[in-house]
């Protein structure tokens, strides 16, 4: 198994880090940790995300292997998003960061 070198400018781990640690990547992963969602449910939950940005985020995280997109052949189309096994592992780590920020928000704001 290959280990990434995030401090190396040529390592693909940097690109994955960018996908996971941007605002919408983090929030999408944590939201999906709570269970399967449809696009419109995710958009409501991630208050403030544009339709275009959410679609791009979901596509990127799916391409990275963290999200599973399931399309049902019905009319109107029904698409659901959930985390893969790898996505669950990652989302749990991201959730720790998000929780830490929420818990320490008043301390952080005082230091600004």
N, C-alpha and C. Protein backbone atom coordinates (compact mmCIF):
# COMPACT_ATOMS: atom_id res chain seq x y z
N UNK A 1 0.84 -1.17 0.00
CA UNK A 1 0.00 0.00 0.00
C UNK A 1 0.89 1.25 0.00
N UNK A 2 0.58 2.17 -0.87
CA UNK A 2 1.36 3.40 -1.00
C UNK A 2 0.86 4.46 -0.02
N UNK A 3 1.76 5.15 0.63
CA UNK A 3 1.40 6.26 1.50
C UNK A 3 1.69 7.56 0.76
N UNK A 4 0.77 8.51 0.85
CA UNK A 4 0.95 9.79 0.21
C UNK A 4 1.95 10.66 0.96
N UNK A 5 2.41 11.68 0.28
CA UNK A 5 3.31 12.67 0.88
C UNK A 5 2.71 14.04 0.61
N UNK A 6 1.84 14.47 1.50
CA UNK A 6 1.06 15.68 1.30
C UNK A 6 1.91 16.94 1.17
N UNK A 7 3.12 16.92 1.69
CA UNK A 7 4.00 18.08 1.56
C UNK A 7 4.74 18.11 0.24
N UNK A 8 4.61 17.07 -0.56
CA UNK A 8 5.22 17.03 -1.89
C UNK A 8 4.25 17.64 -2.90
N UNK A 9 4.73 18.61 -3.68
CA UNK A 9 3.85 19.32 -4.61
C UNK A 9 3.27 18.42 -5.70
N UNK A 10 3.88 17.29 -5.96
CA UNK A 10 3.42 16.39 -7.02
C UNK A 10 2.57 15.23 -6.52
N UNK A 11 2.35 15.15 -5.22
CA UNK A 11 1.59 14.03 -4.67
C UNK A 11 0.09 14.24 -4.86
N UNK A 12 -0.61 13.23 -5.38
CA UNK A 12 -2.06 13.34 -5.58
C UNK A 12 -2.84 13.53 -4.27
N UNK A 13 -2.20 13.27 -3.14
CA UNK A 13 -2.89 13.46 -1.86
C UNK A 13 -3.28 14.92 -1.66
N UNK A 14 -2.53 15.84 -2.25
CA UNK A 14 -2.87 17.27 -2.13
C UNK A 14 -4.21 17.58 -2.76
N UNK A 15 -4.46 17.01 -3.91
CA UNK A 15 -5.74 17.25 -4.60
C UNK A 15 -6.90 16.68 -3.79
N UNK A 16 -6.72 15.49 -3.26
CA UNK A 16 -7.77 14.88 -2.43
C UNK A 16 -7.98 15.70 -1.17
N UNK A 17 -6.91 16.18 -0.56
CA UNK A 17 -7.02 17.04 0.61
C UNK A 17 -7.84 18.29 0.28
N UNK A 18 -7.61 18.86 -0.87
CA UNK A 18 -8.36 20.04 -1.31
C UNK A 18 -9.85 19.72 -1.44
N UNK A 19 -10.18 18.57 -2.00
CA UNK A 19 -11.59 18.18 -2.19
C UNK A 19 -12.29 18.00 -0.85
N UNK A 20 -11.57 17.41 0.09
CA UNK A 20 -12.16 17.04 1.38
C UNK A 20 -12.24 18.22 2.34
N UNK A 21 -11.29 19.13 2.28
CA UNK A 21 -11.22 20.18 3.29
C UNK A 21 -11.84 21.50 2.87
N UNK A 22 -12.35 21.59 1.66
CA UNK A 22 -13.05 22.83 1.34
C UNK A 22 -14.40 22.81 2.08
N UNK A 23 -14.97 23.97 2.22
CA UNK A 23 -16.20 24.11 3.03
C UNK A 23 -17.28 23.11 2.62
N UNK A 24 -17.60 23.04 1.34
CA UNK A 24 -18.71 22.18 0.92
C UNK A 24 -18.34 20.71 0.96
N UNK A 25 -17.10 20.37 0.76
CA UNK A 25 -16.67 18.97 0.89
C UNK A 25 -16.84 18.48 2.31
N UNK A 26 -16.35 19.27 3.27
CA UNK A 26 -16.50 18.92 4.70
C UNK A 26 -17.96 18.76 5.08
N UNK A 27 -18.75 19.76 4.74
CA UNK A 27 -20.16 19.74 5.15
C UNK A 27 -20.94 18.60 4.49
N UNK A 28 -20.62 18.32 3.24
CA UNK A 28 -21.30 17.22 2.53
C UNK A 28 -20.97 15.89 3.19
N UNK A 29 -19.71 15.66 3.49
CA UNK A 29 -19.31 14.41 4.14
C UNK A 29 -20.00 14.24 5.49
N UNK A 30 -20.02 15.29 6.29
CA UNK A 30 -20.63 15.20 7.62
C UNK A 30 -22.15 15.00 7.49
N UNK A 31 -22.78 15.67 6.54
CA UNK A 31 -24.22 15.49 6.33
C UNK A 31 -24.55 14.06 5.94
N UNK A 32 -23.74 13.48 5.05
CA UNK A 32 -24.00 12.11 4.60
C UNK A 32 -23.66 11.07 5.66
N UNK A 33 -22.87 11.46 6.65
CA UNK A 33 -22.60 10.56 7.77
C UNK A 33 -23.89 10.26 8.53
N UNK A 34 -24.85 11.16 8.43
CA UNK A 34 -26.15 10.99 9.09
C UNK A 34 -27.10 10.11 8.29
N UNK A 35 -26.70 9.70 7.10
CA UNK A 35 -27.52 8.79 6.30
C UNK A 35 -27.64 9.24 4.85
N UNK A 36 -28.35 8.44 4.08
CA UNK A 36 -28.56 8.68 2.65
C UNK A 36 -29.45 9.91 2.46
N UNK A 37 -29.09 10.73 1.46
CA UNK A 37 -29.86 11.94 1.17
C UNK A 37 -30.08 12.06 -0.34
N UNK A 38 -31.18 12.69 -0.69
CA UNK A 38 -31.40 13.10 -2.07
C UNK A 38 -30.75 14.48 -2.24
N UNK A 39 -30.55 14.87 -3.49
CA UNK A 39 -29.89 16.13 -3.79
C UNK A 39 -30.57 17.31 -3.10
N UNK A 40 -31.88 17.40 -3.24
CA UNK A 40 -32.62 18.53 -2.66
C UNK A 40 -32.52 18.54 -1.14
N UNK A 41 -32.50 17.36 -0.51
CA UNK A 41 -32.34 17.29 0.95
C UNK A 41 -30.97 17.81 1.36
N UNK A 42 -29.94 17.41 0.63
CA UNK A 42 -28.58 17.88 0.92
C UNK A 42 -28.49 19.39 0.75
N UNK A 43 -29.10 19.88 -0.30
CA UNK A 43 -29.02 21.33 -0.57
C UNK A 43 -29.67 22.12 0.56
N UNK A 44 -30.79 21.63 1.07
CA UNK A 44 -31.44 22.30 2.21
C UNK A 44 -30.57 22.21 3.46
N UNK A 45 -30.00 21.05 3.68
CA UNK A 45 -29.17 20.84 4.88
C UNK A 45 -27.91 21.71 4.85
N UNK A 46 -27.30 21.84 3.68
CA UNK A 46 -26.08 22.64 3.52
C UNK A 46 -26.48 24.07 3.16
N UNK A 47 -27.22 24.68 4.02
CA UNK A 47 -27.78 26.01 3.82
C UNK A 47 -26.74 26.96 3.22
N UNK A 48 -27.05 27.49 2.02
CA UNK A 48 -26.16 28.45 1.38
C UNK A 48 -25.39 27.91 0.19
N UNK A 49 -25.38 26.61 -0.01
CA UNK A 49 -24.66 26.04 -1.15
C UNK A 49 -25.51 26.21 -2.41
N UNK A 50 -24.86 26.58 -3.51
CA UNK A 50 -25.59 26.69 -4.78
C UNK A 50 -25.78 25.30 -5.37
N UNK A 51 -26.74 25.19 -6.25
CA UNK A 51 -27.00 23.92 -6.92
C UNK A 51 -25.75 23.46 -7.69
N UNK A 52 -25.11 24.39 -8.39
CA UNK A 52 -23.91 24.08 -9.17
C UNK A 52 -22.77 23.59 -8.28
N UNK A 53 -22.55 24.28 -7.17
CA UNK A 53 -21.44 23.92 -6.28
C UNK A 53 -21.69 22.57 -5.62
N UNK A 54 -22.93 22.30 -5.22
CA UNK A 54 -23.24 21.00 -4.62
C UNK A 54 -23.05 19.89 -5.64
N UNK A 55 -23.50 20.11 -6.86
CA UNK A 55 -23.33 19.09 -7.90
C UNK A 55 -21.84 18.82 -8.14
N UNK A 56 -21.03 19.87 -8.21
CA UNK A 56 -19.58 19.69 -8.41
C UNK A 56 -18.96 18.96 -7.23
N UNK A 57 -19.35 19.32 -6.03
CA UNK A 57 -18.81 18.68 -4.82
C UNK A 57 -19.14 17.20 -4.81
N UNK A 58 -20.39 16.87 -5.10
CA UNK A 58 -20.81 15.46 -5.11
C UNK A 58 -20.06 14.68 -6.18
N UNK A 59 -19.90 15.26 -7.36
CA UNK A 59 -19.18 14.58 -8.44
C UNK A 59 -17.72 14.34 -8.06
N UNK A 60 -17.10 15.34 -7.45
CA UNK A 60 -15.70 15.21 -7.07
C UNK A 60 -15.51 14.15 -6.00
N UNK A 61 -16.35 14.19 -4.97
CA UNK A 61 -16.24 13.21 -3.88
C UNK A 61 -16.59 11.80 -4.36
N UNK A 62 -17.49 11.71 -5.33
CA UNK A 62 -17.82 10.41 -5.92
C UNK A 62 -16.61 9.89 -6.71
N UNK A 63 -15.97 10.77 -7.49
CA UNK A 63 -14.80 10.36 -8.28
C UNK A 63 -13.65 9.93 -7.37
N UNK A 64 -13.56 10.54 -6.18
CA UNK A 64 -12.53 10.16 -5.21
C UNK A 64 -12.85 8.86 -4.48
N UNK A 65 -14.08 8.37 -4.65
CA UNK A 65 -14.45 7.10 -4.02
C UNK A 65 -15.07 7.23 -2.65
N UNK A 66 -15.48 8.44 -2.27
CA UNK A 66 -16.05 8.67 -0.94
C UNK A 66 -17.57 8.64 -0.92
N UNK A 67 -18.19 8.88 -2.07
CA UNK A 67 -19.65 8.95 -2.16
C UNK A 67 -20.16 7.97 -3.20
N UNK A 68 -21.28 7.37 -2.89
CA UNK A 68 -21.97 6.47 -3.82
C UNK A 68 -23.22 7.18 -4.31
N UNK A 69 -23.36 7.28 -5.62
CA UNK A 69 -24.55 7.90 -6.24
C UNK A 69 -25.40 6.77 -6.79
N UNK A 70 -26.64 6.69 -6.33
CA UNK A 70 -27.55 5.64 -6.79
C UNK A 70 -28.72 6.30 -7.50
N UNK A 71 -28.85 6.01 -8.80
CA UNK A 71 -29.95 6.56 -9.62
C UNK A 71 -30.97 5.45 -9.86
N UNK A 72 -32.22 5.75 -9.56
CA UNK A 72 -33.30 4.79 -9.76
C UNK A 72 -34.03 5.12 -11.06
N UNK A 73 -34.29 4.10 -11.88
CA UNK A 73 -34.92 4.33 -13.19
C UNK A 73 -36.43 4.56 -13.08
N UNK A 74 -36.79 5.70 -12.52
CA UNK A 74 -38.20 6.06 -12.38
C UNK A 74 -38.39 7.47 -12.93
N UNK A 75 -39.65 7.82 -13.13
CA UNK A 75 -39.98 9.16 -13.60
C UNK A 75 -40.84 9.81 -12.53
N UNK A 76 -40.46 10.96 -12.01
CA UNK A 76 -39.24 11.70 -12.29
C UNK A 76 -38.02 10.98 -11.71
N UNK A 77 -36.83 11.32 -12.19
CA UNK A 77 -35.62 10.65 -11.72
C UNK A 77 -35.45 10.76 -10.21
N UNK A 78 -34.96 9.69 -9.61
CA UNK A 78 -34.74 9.63 -8.16
C UNK A 78 -33.28 9.23 -7.96
N UNK A 79 -32.52 10.15 -7.37
CA UNK A 79 -31.09 9.90 -7.14
C UNK A 79 -30.81 10.08 -5.67
N UNK A 80 -30.05 9.15 -5.10
CA UNK A 80 -29.67 9.22 -3.70
C UNK A 80 -28.15 9.20 -3.57
N UNK A 81 -27.67 9.85 -2.53
CA UNK A 81 -26.24 9.90 -2.25
C UNK A 81 -25.98 9.33 -0.87
N UNK A 82 -24.95 8.52 -0.78
CA UNK A 82 -24.56 7.94 0.51
C UNK A 82 -23.04 7.82 0.51
N UNK A 83 -22.50 7.51 1.67
CA UNK A 83 -21.06 7.35 1.80
C UNK A 83 -20.65 5.91 1.50
N UNK A 84 -19.51 5.76 0.87
CA UNK A 84 -18.92 4.45 0.71
C UNK A 84 -18.26 4.09 2.05
N UNK A 85 -17.73 2.90 2.15
CA UNK A 85 -17.02 2.51 3.38
C UNK A 85 -15.85 3.46 3.65
N UNK A 86 -15.11 3.77 2.60
CA UNK A 86 -14.00 4.71 2.72
C UNK A 86 -14.51 6.10 3.11
N UNK A 87 -15.65 6.48 2.54
CA UNK A 87 -16.26 7.77 2.85
C UNK A 87 -16.68 7.88 4.31
N UNK A 88 -17.20 6.79 4.88
CA UNK A 88 -17.58 6.78 6.30
C UNK A 88 -16.35 7.00 7.16
N UNK A 89 -15.27 6.31 6.85
CA UNK A 89 -14.03 6.48 7.62
C UNK A 89 -13.57 7.94 7.58
N UNK A 90 -13.57 8.51 6.39
CA UNK A 90 -13.14 9.89 6.22
C UNK A 90 -14.10 10.86 6.93
N UNK A 91 -15.39 10.67 6.73
CA UNK A 91 -16.38 11.58 7.30
C UNK A 91 -16.30 11.61 8.83
N UNK A 92 -15.98 10.48 9.43
CA UNK A 92 -15.84 10.46 10.90
C UNK A 92 -14.67 11.33 11.35
N UNK A 93 -13.61 11.35 10.57
CA UNK A 93 -12.47 12.20 10.89
C UNK A 93 -12.82 13.68 10.69
N UNK A 94 -13.50 13.98 9.60
CA UNK A 94 -13.90 15.36 9.32
C UNK A 94 -14.88 15.84 10.37
N UNK A 95 -15.76 14.95 10.81
CA UNK A 95 -16.75 15.31 11.84
C UNK A 95 -16.05 15.74 13.13
N UNK A 96 -14.93 15.11 13.47
CA UNK A 96 -14.16 15.51 14.65
C UNK A 96 -13.70 16.96 14.53
N UNK A 97 -13.22 17.32 13.35
CA UNK A 97 -12.78 18.70 13.11
C UNK A 97 -13.95 19.67 13.21
N UNK A 98 -15.05 19.33 12.57
CA UNK A 98 -16.25 20.18 12.60
C UNK A 98 -16.75 20.34 14.04
N UNK A 99 -16.80 19.25 14.79
CA UNK A 99 -17.23 19.31 16.19
C UNK A 99 -16.30 20.20 17.00
N UNK A 100 -14.98 20.06 16.79
CA UNK A 100 -14.02 20.86 17.53
C UNK A 100 -14.26 22.34 17.27
N UNK A 101 -14.49 22.70 16.01
CA UNK A 101 -14.74 24.10 15.65
C UNK A 101 -16.01 24.60 16.33
N UNK A 102 -17.08 23.81 16.29
CA UNK A 102 -18.34 24.23 16.93
C UNK A 102 -18.17 24.39 18.43
N UNK A 103 -17.50 23.45 19.07
CA UNK A 103 -17.30 23.49 20.53
C UNK A 103 -16.45 24.69 20.93
N UNK A 104 -15.45 25.01 20.14
CA UNK A 104 -14.49 26.06 20.48
C UNK A 104 -14.75 27.39 19.79
N UNK A 105 -15.92 27.55 19.20
CA UNK A 105 -16.21 28.74 18.42
C UNK A 105 -16.02 30.03 19.23
N UNK A 106 -16.51 30.07 20.44
CA UNK A 106 -16.39 31.31 21.23
C UNK A 106 -14.92 31.63 21.50
N UNK A 107 -14.11 30.62 21.78
CA UNK A 107 -12.66 30.84 21.99
C UNK A 107 -11.99 31.35 20.72
N UNK A 108 -12.36 30.77 19.61
CA UNK A 108 -11.78 31.17 18.32
C UNK A 108 -12.14 32.62 18.02
N UNK A 109 -13.40 32.97 18.22
CA UNK A 109 -13.84 34.33 17.92
C UNK A 109 -13.18 35.35 18.84
N UNK A 110 -12.91 34.98 20.07
CA UNK A 110 -12.22 35.88 21.00
C UNK A 110 -10.80 36.18 20.55
N UNK A 111 -10.17 35.21 19.91
CA UNK A 111 -8.77 35.35 19.49
C UNK A 111 -8.62 36.16 18.19
N UNK A 112 -9.71 36.40 17.50
CA UNK A 112 -9.65 37.15 16.23
C UNK A 112 -9.26 38.59 16.47
